[in-house]
Each structure stands twice: as structure tokens, then as C-alpha cells.
C-alpha atoms as a PDB file:
ATOM      1  CA  MET A   1       9.736  35.625 -15.471  1.00  0.00           C
ATOM      2  CA  SER A   2      12.466  37.496 -14.001  1.00  0.00           C
ATOM      3  CA  GLY A   3      15.044  35.041 -14.635  1.00  0.00           C
ATOM      4  CA  LEU A   4      14.033  33.920 -18.215  1.00  0.00           C
ATOM      5  CA  THR A   5      15.183  36.081 -20.820  1.00  0.00           C
ATOM      6  CA  PRO A   6      12.587  37.123 -23.793  1.00  0.00           C
ATOM      7  CA  LEU A   7      14.881  35.148 -26.234  1.00  0.00           C
ATOM      8  CA  LEU A   8      14.857  32.476 -24.262  1.00  0.00           C
ATOM      9  CA  VAL A   9      10.754  32.295 -24.006  1.00  0.00           C
ATOM     10  CA  ASP A  10      10.634  33.024 -27.405  1.00  0.00           C
ATOM     11  CA  SER A  11      12.734  29.816 -28.577  1.00  0.00           C
ATOM     12  CA  LEU A  12      10.546  27.631 -26.045  1.00  0.00           C
ATOM     13  CA  PHE A  13       7.634  29.311 -27.061  1.00  0.00           C
ATOM     14  CA  PRO A  14       7.798  30.172 -30.699  1.00  0.00           C
ATOM     15  CA  ASN A  15       4.122  30.330 -31.399  1.00  0.00           C
ATOM     16  CA  GLY A  16       3.566  32.205 -27.788  1.00  0.00           C
ATOM     17  CA  ILE A  17       2.178  31.136 -24.915  1.00  0.00           C
ATOM     18  CA  ALA A  18      -0.898  32.089 -24.489  1.00  0.00           C
ATOM     19  CA  HIS A  19      -2.803  29.315 -26.373  1.00  0.00           C
ATOM     20  CA  TYR A  20      -0.740  26.713 -23.665  1.00  0.00           C
ATOM     21  CA  ALA A  21      -1.916  28.968 -20.576  1.00  0.00           C
ATOM     22  CA  LEU A  22      -5.502  29.086 -21.741  1.00  0.00           C
ATOM     23  CA  GLY A  23      -5.644  25.668 -22.709  1.00  0.00           C
ATOM     24  CA  GLY A  24      -4.246  24.902 -19.088  1.00  0.00           C
ATOM     25  CA  LEU A  25      -7.298  26.443 -17.544  1.00  0.00           C
ATOM     26  CA  LEU A  26      -9.352  24.978 -19.545  1.00  0.00           C
ATOM     27  CA  ILE A  27      -7.812  21.217 -18.322  1.00  0.00           C
ATOM     28  CA  GLY A  28      -7.835  22.617 -14.941  1.00  0.00           C
ATOM     29  CA  LEU A  29     -11.128  23.643 -15.004  1.00  0.00           C
ATOM     30  CA  GLY A  30     -12.441  20.222 -16.300  1.00  0.00           C
ATOM     31  CA  THR A  31     -11.022  18.400 -14.355  1.00  0.00           C
ATOM     32  CA  ALA A  32     -12.582  20.576 -11.291  1.00  0.00           C
ATOM     33  CA  ILE A  33     -15.688  20.419 -12.671  1.00  0.00           C
ATOM     34  CA  ILE A  34     -15.338  16.622 -12.975  1.00  0.00           C
ATOM     35  CA  TYR A  35     -14.079  16.274  -9.394  1.00  0.00           C
ATOM     36  CA  LEU A  36     -16.479  18.014  -7.789  1.00  0.00           C
ATOM     37  CA  GLY A  37     -19.091  17.009  -9.363  1.00  0.00           C
ATOM     38  CA  THR A  38     -18.665  13.730  -9.064  1.00  0.00           C
ATOM     39  CA  GLY A  39     -16.312  13.091  -6.473  1.00  0.00           C
ATOM     40  CA  ILE A  40     -14.162  11.029  -8.664  1.00  0.00           C
ATOM     41  CA  ILE A  41     -10.304  11.755 -10.043  1.00  0.00           C
ATOM     42  CA  ALA A  42     -10.839  12.659 -14.319  1.00  0.00           C
ATOM     43  CA  GLY A  43      -8.830  10.417 -16.339  1.00  0.00           C
ATOM     44  CA  ALA A  44      -9.143   8.801 -19.412  1.00  0.00           C
ATOM     45  CA  SER A  45      -7.690   5.356 -19.069  1.00  0.00           C
ATOM     46  CA  THR A  46     -10.671   3.478 -17.250  1.00  0.00           C
ATOM     47  CA  PHE A  47     -12.876   4.888 -20.346  1.00  0.00           C
ATOM     48  CA  LEU A  48     -12.692   1.169 -21.955  1.00  0.00           C
ATOM     49  CA  GLU A  49     -13.538  -1.052 -18.857  1.00  0.00           C
ATOM     50  CA  SER A  50     -16.223   1.385 -18.070  1.00  0.00           C
ATOM     51  CA  THR A  51     -18.042   1.456 -21.476  1.00  0.00           C
ATOM     52  CA  LEU A  52     -17.726  -2.549 -21.924  1.00  0.00           C
ATOM     53  CA  SER A  53     -20.043  -2.526 -18.866  1.00  0.00           C
ATOM     54  CA  TYR A  54     -22.923  -1.527 -21.460  1.00  0.00           C
ATOM     55  CA  VAL A  55     -22.344  -4.513 -23.526  1.00  0.00           C
ATOM     56  CA  SER A  56     -20.228  -7.189 -21.131  1.00  0.00           C
ATOM     57  CA  ASP A  57     -21.905  -9.220 -18.914  1.00  0.00           C
ATOM     58  CA  LEU A  58     -18.441  -9.945 -17.481  1.00  0.00           C
ATOM     59  CA  PRO A  59     -17.716  -9.011 -13.607  1.00  0.00           C
ATOM     60  CA  ARG A  60     -14.584  -7.452 -14.396  1.00  0.00           C
ATOM     61  CA  PHE A  61     -16.184  -4.635 -16.787  1.00  0.00           C
ATOM     62  CA  ASN A  62     -19.341  -4.671 -14.055  1.00  0.00           C
ATOM     63  CA  LYS A  63     -17.570  -3.433 -11.084  1.00  0.00           C
ATOM     64  CA  ALA A  64     -19.809  -0.612  -9.384  1.00  0.00           C
ATOM     65  CA  LYS A  65     -17.472   1.511 -10.172  1.00  0.00           C
ATOM     66  CA  TYR A  66     -17.371   1.567 -13.591  1.00  0.00           C
ATOM     67  CA  VAL A  67     -20.925   1.122 -14.064  1.00  0.00           C
ATOM     68  CA  ALA A  68     -21.764   4.637 -11.780  1.00  0.00           C
ATOM     69  CA  SER A  69     -19.210   6.335 -13.732  1.00  0.00           C
ATOM     70  CA  ARG A  70     -19.694   5.122 -17.191  1.00  0.00           C
ATOM     71  CA  ASN A  71     -21.759   7.901 -18.672  1.00  0.00           C
ATOM     72  CA  TRP A  72     -19.727  10.710 -17.591  1.00  0.00           C
ATOM     73  CA  ARG A  73     -17.122   8.865 -18.951  1.00  0.00           C
ATOM     74  CA  VAL A  74     -18.257   8.482 -22.152  1.00  0.00           C
ATOM     75  CA  VAL A  75     -19.446  12.534 -22.182  1.00  0.00           C
ATOM     76  CA  PHE A  76     -15.812  12.954 -21.087  1.00  0.00           C
ATOM     77  CA  THR A  77     -13.897  10.846 -23.736  1.00  0.00           C
ATOM     78  CA  LEU A  78     -16.751  12.285 -26.880  1.00  0.00           C
ATOM     79  CA  SER A  79     -15.299  15.948 -25.616  1.00  0.00           C
ATOM     80  CA  ILE A  80     -12.146  15.105 -25.925  1.00  0.00           C
ATOM     81  CA  ILE A  81     -12.669  13.969 -29.360  1.00  0.00           C
ATOM     82  CA  ALA A  82     -15.461  16.939 -30.032  1.00  0.00           C
ATOM     83  CA  GLY A  83     -12.557  19.349 -28.815  1.00  0.00           C
ATOM     84  CA  ALA A  84      -9.715  18.154 -31.079  1.00  0.00           C
ATOM     85  CA  ALA A  85     -12.706  18.134 -33.964  1.00  0.00           C
ATOM     86  CA  ILE A  86     -13.811  21.592 -33.721  1.00  0.00           C
ATOM     87  CA  TYR A  87     -10.242  23.115 -33.353  1.00  0.00           C
ATOM     88  CA  THR A  88      -9.162  21.205 -36.672  1.00  0.00           C
ATOM     89  CA  LEU A  89     -12.281  22.481 -38.412  1.00  0.00           C
ATOM     90  CA  THR A  90     -11.810  26.177 -36.729  1.00  0.00           C
ATOM     91  CA  LEU A  91      -8.012  26.932 -36.435  1.00  0.00           C
ATOM     92  CA  GLY A  92      -6.224  23.889 -37.391  1.00  0.00           C
ATOM     93  CA  GLY A  93      -6.561  24.864 -41.270  1.00  0.00           C
ATOM     94  CA  GLY A  94      -8.944  22.324 -41.792  1.00  0.00           C
ATOM     95  CA  GLU A  95      -6.192  19.209 -41.962  1.00  0.00           C
ATOM     96  CA  TRP A  96      -8.019  15.937 -40.295  1.00  0.00           C
ATOM     97  CA  TRP A  97      -4.735  13.628 -40.400  1.00  0.00           C
ATOM     98  CA  VAL A  98      -1.359  15.154 -40.547  1.00  0.00           C
ATOM     99  CA  SER A  99       1.300  12.681 -39.408  1.00  0.00           C
ATOM    100  CA  GLU A 100       4.197  11.091 -41.366  1.00  0.00           C
ATOM    101  CA  VAL A 101       4.088   7.962 -38.570  1.00  0.00           C
ATOM    102  CA  GLN A 102       2.835   4.791 -40.232  1.00  0.00           C
ATOM    103  CA  PRO A 103      -0.276   3.649 -39.021  1.00  0.00           C
ATOM    104  CA  TRP A 104       1.308   0.172 -37.474  1.00  0.00           C
ATOM    105  CA  ARG A 105       3.595   2.280 -35.067  1.00  0.00           C
ATOM    106  CA  PHE A 106       0.410   4.641 -33.963  1.00  0.00           C
ATOM    107  CA  ALA A 107      -1.537   1.170 -33.061  1.00  0.00           C
ATOM    108  CA  LEU A 108       1.723  -0.218 -31.395  1.00  0.00           C
ATOM    109  CA  GLY A 109       2.222   3.007 -29.238  1.00  0.00           C
ATOM    110  CA  GLY A 110      -1.748   2.548 -28.826  1.00  0.00           C
ATOM    111  CA  VAL A 111      -0.887  -1.184 -26.703  1.00  0.00           C
ATOM    112  CA  LEU A 112       1.206   0.003 -25.634  1.00  0.00           C
ATOM    113  CA  VAL A 113       0.379   2.712 -23.753  1.00  0.00           C
ATOM    114  CA  GLY A 114      -2.741   1.086 -22.601  1.00  0.00           C
ATOM    115  CA  ILE A 115      -0.431  -1.826 -21.328  1.00  0.00           C
ATOM    116  CA  GLY A 116       1.606   1.375 -19.355  1.00  0.00           C
ATOM    117  CA  THR A 117      -1.917   2.581 -17.709  1.00  0.00           C
ATOM    118  CA  ARG A 118      -2.767  -0.735 -16.536  1.00  0.00           C
ATOM    119  CA  ILE A 119       0.493  -1.452 -14.952  1.00  0.00           C
ATOM    120  CA  GLY A 120       0.727   2.362 -13.600  1.00  0.00           C
ATOM    121  CA  LYS A 121      -3.050   1.957 -12.462  1.00  0.00           C
ATOM    122  CA  GLY A 122      -4.159   5.667 -14.721  1.00  0.00           C
ATOM    123  CA  CYS A 123      -2.955   7.592 -17.619  1.00  0.00           C
ATOM    124  CA  THR A 124      -1.061  10.722 -17.675  1.00  0.00           C
ATOM    125  CA  SER A 125      -3.989  13.089 -17.042  1.00  0.00           C
ATOM    126  CA  GLY A 126      -5.249  11.185 -14.335  1.00  0.00           C
ATOM    127  CA  HIS A 127      -1.937  11.054 -12.889  1.00  0.00           C
ATOM    128  CA  GLY A 128      -0.238  14.146 -14.486  1.00  0.00           C
ATOM    129  CA  VAL A 129      -2.745  16.558 -14.125  1.00  0.00           C
ATOM    130  CA  CYS A 130      -5.277  15.673 -10.748  1.00  0.00           C
ATOM    131  CA  GLY A 131      -2.932  13.386  -9.118  1.00  0.00           C
ATOM    132  CA  VAL A 132      -0.060  15.549  -9.180  1.00  0.00           C
ATOM    133  CA  GLY A 133      -2.282  18.263  -8.686  1.00  0.00           C
ATOM    134  CA  SER A 134      -3.840  16.705  -5.768  1.00  0.00           C
ATOM    135  CA  ARG A 135       0.202  16.019  -4.119  1.00  0.00           C
ATOM    136  CA  SER A 136      -0.228  12.093  -4.506  1.00  0.00           C
ATOM    137  CA  ARG A 137       3.243  11.092  -3.811  1.00  0.00           C
ATOM    138  CA  THR A 138       2.048   7.758  -5.974  1.00  0.00           C
ATOM    139  CA  SER A 139       1.185   9.999  -9.218  1.00  0.00           C
ATOM    140  CA  PHE A 140       4.560  12.071  -8.702  1.00  0.00           C
ATOM    141  CA  VAL A 141       6.037   8.658  -8.729  1.00  0.00           C
ATOM    142  CA  ASN A 142       4.504   7.647 -11.653  1.00  0.00           C
ATOM    143  CA  VAL A 143       4.488  10.860 -13.548  1.00  0.00           C
ATOM    144  CA  ALA A 144       8.249  10.794 -13.088  1.00  0.00           C
ATOM    145  CA  THR A 145       8.521   7.059 -14.227  1.00  0.00           C
ATOM    146  CA  PHE A 146       6.236   8.609 -17.937  1.00  0.00           C
ATOM    147  CA  MET A 147       8.677  11.312 -18.309  1.00  0.00           C
ATOM    148  CA  VAL A 148      12.342   8.908 -17.609  1.00  0.00           C
ATOM    149  CA  VAL A 149      10.276   6.420 -19.581  1.00  0.00           C
ATOM    150  CA  ALA A 150       9.388   8.613 -22.522  1.00  0.00           C
ATOM    151  CA  ILE A 151      12.366  10.524 -22.911  1.00  0.00           C
ATOM    152  CA  GLY A 152      14.602   7.405 -22.816  1.00  0.00           C
ATOM    153  CA  VAL A 153      13.037   5.776 -25.825  1.00  0.00           C
ATOM    154  CA  ALA A 154      12.387   8.881 -27.595  1.00  0.00           C
ATOM    155  CA  GLN A 155      16.582   9.490 -27.405  1.00  0.00           C
ATOM    156  CA  LEU A 156      17.093   5.649 -28.268  1.00  0.00           C
ATOM    157  CA  LEU A 157      14.790   5.894 -31.246  1.00  0.00           C
ATOM    158  CA  GLN A 158      17.015   9.121 -32.358  1.00  0.00           C
ATOM    159  CA  ALA A 159      20.191   7.532 -31.745  1.00  0.00           C
ATOM    160  CA  LEU A 160      18.683   4.431 -33.483  1.00  0.00           C
ATOM    161  CA  GLY A 161      17.999   6.748 -36.514  1.00  0.00           C
ATOM    162  CA  VAL A 162      14.571   5.481 -36.394  1.00  0.00           C
ATOM    163  CA  SER A 163      12.413   8.524 -38.083  1.00  0.00           C
ATOM    164  CA  PRO A 164       8.800   8.702 -38.392  1.00  0.00           C
END
């Protein structure tokens, strides 16, 4: 960080960088364990399809890759939820839901993210963490697309005066 002044670092990370670094290390460790244990790149976007293989007879949800990975994907997703709950109870002040965003916007955002993960053949965790880490060209393009679209939409909404 020789080129960054402490003042710039403080302005970019007003709460410090240690917890971000720890979070990054834990995410990296988790994805490495999943890859080494299963040979599958971790990502959350196939959770729904693999989970639906428990209850659906439709061939789309019963592909061999979904059935073979569904158990660890359930554990993976429940661990994400449990991690958030543990953080909230121990370090997060105990507030479960703090947002000024209306529920319909969350729902619409969820639908759009779901569509995007299908079009992009993966989610930000799969492409951003694992794909970029394995130097996948597709993942680099997808992450760049995610970022450009997210920044563009945020700027457009701000320019239109849309608030939570």
C-alpha cells in the first residue's frame, strides 16, 4: 500500500480493513474446501435446481450433476444463512431486518438476479470468486458485465432520484 496514503485508506474503509480481509480469507477457504472435496466450483445459482431434484420428477431438475451435488449445495446455502444469523446475533447488534427498501423491490431484484444468473450461466460467487480465481475467460467477461450493469443501473437510479 505504498502508493495509498493512510487518509485515502481511511476514507475507503472507515471501519478498517481487517474484517474484510478475514471475510475474504474465509470465502477463499470455503470455496477451496468445496472444490477439493467435490471437484465442483462453488456457486449459489444452481442451488434451486439441485434442491428441486428432491421433490420434482421433471428431467430438467433431475440431471445427474444436480442430483450428485444437491446435498452439499443445501449445506452450502444453509451455511450462508446460518453465518448471517450468527453474525447478526453476535456482532450485528441483534437487528434482523434493517432496510429502507420496500419488499416489492427486493422481490423484483431477486427475480432479475435469477434471470441474470441463468443468462450468465452462473452467479457472482461462482464467476467472481471461483471463476476469476481459476482464470476463466468467461468468468472475467461475466464479472465485468455484472459490474458495468450494476454501476450503470445504480447511476441511472440515482440520476432519476429513485431512493429506497
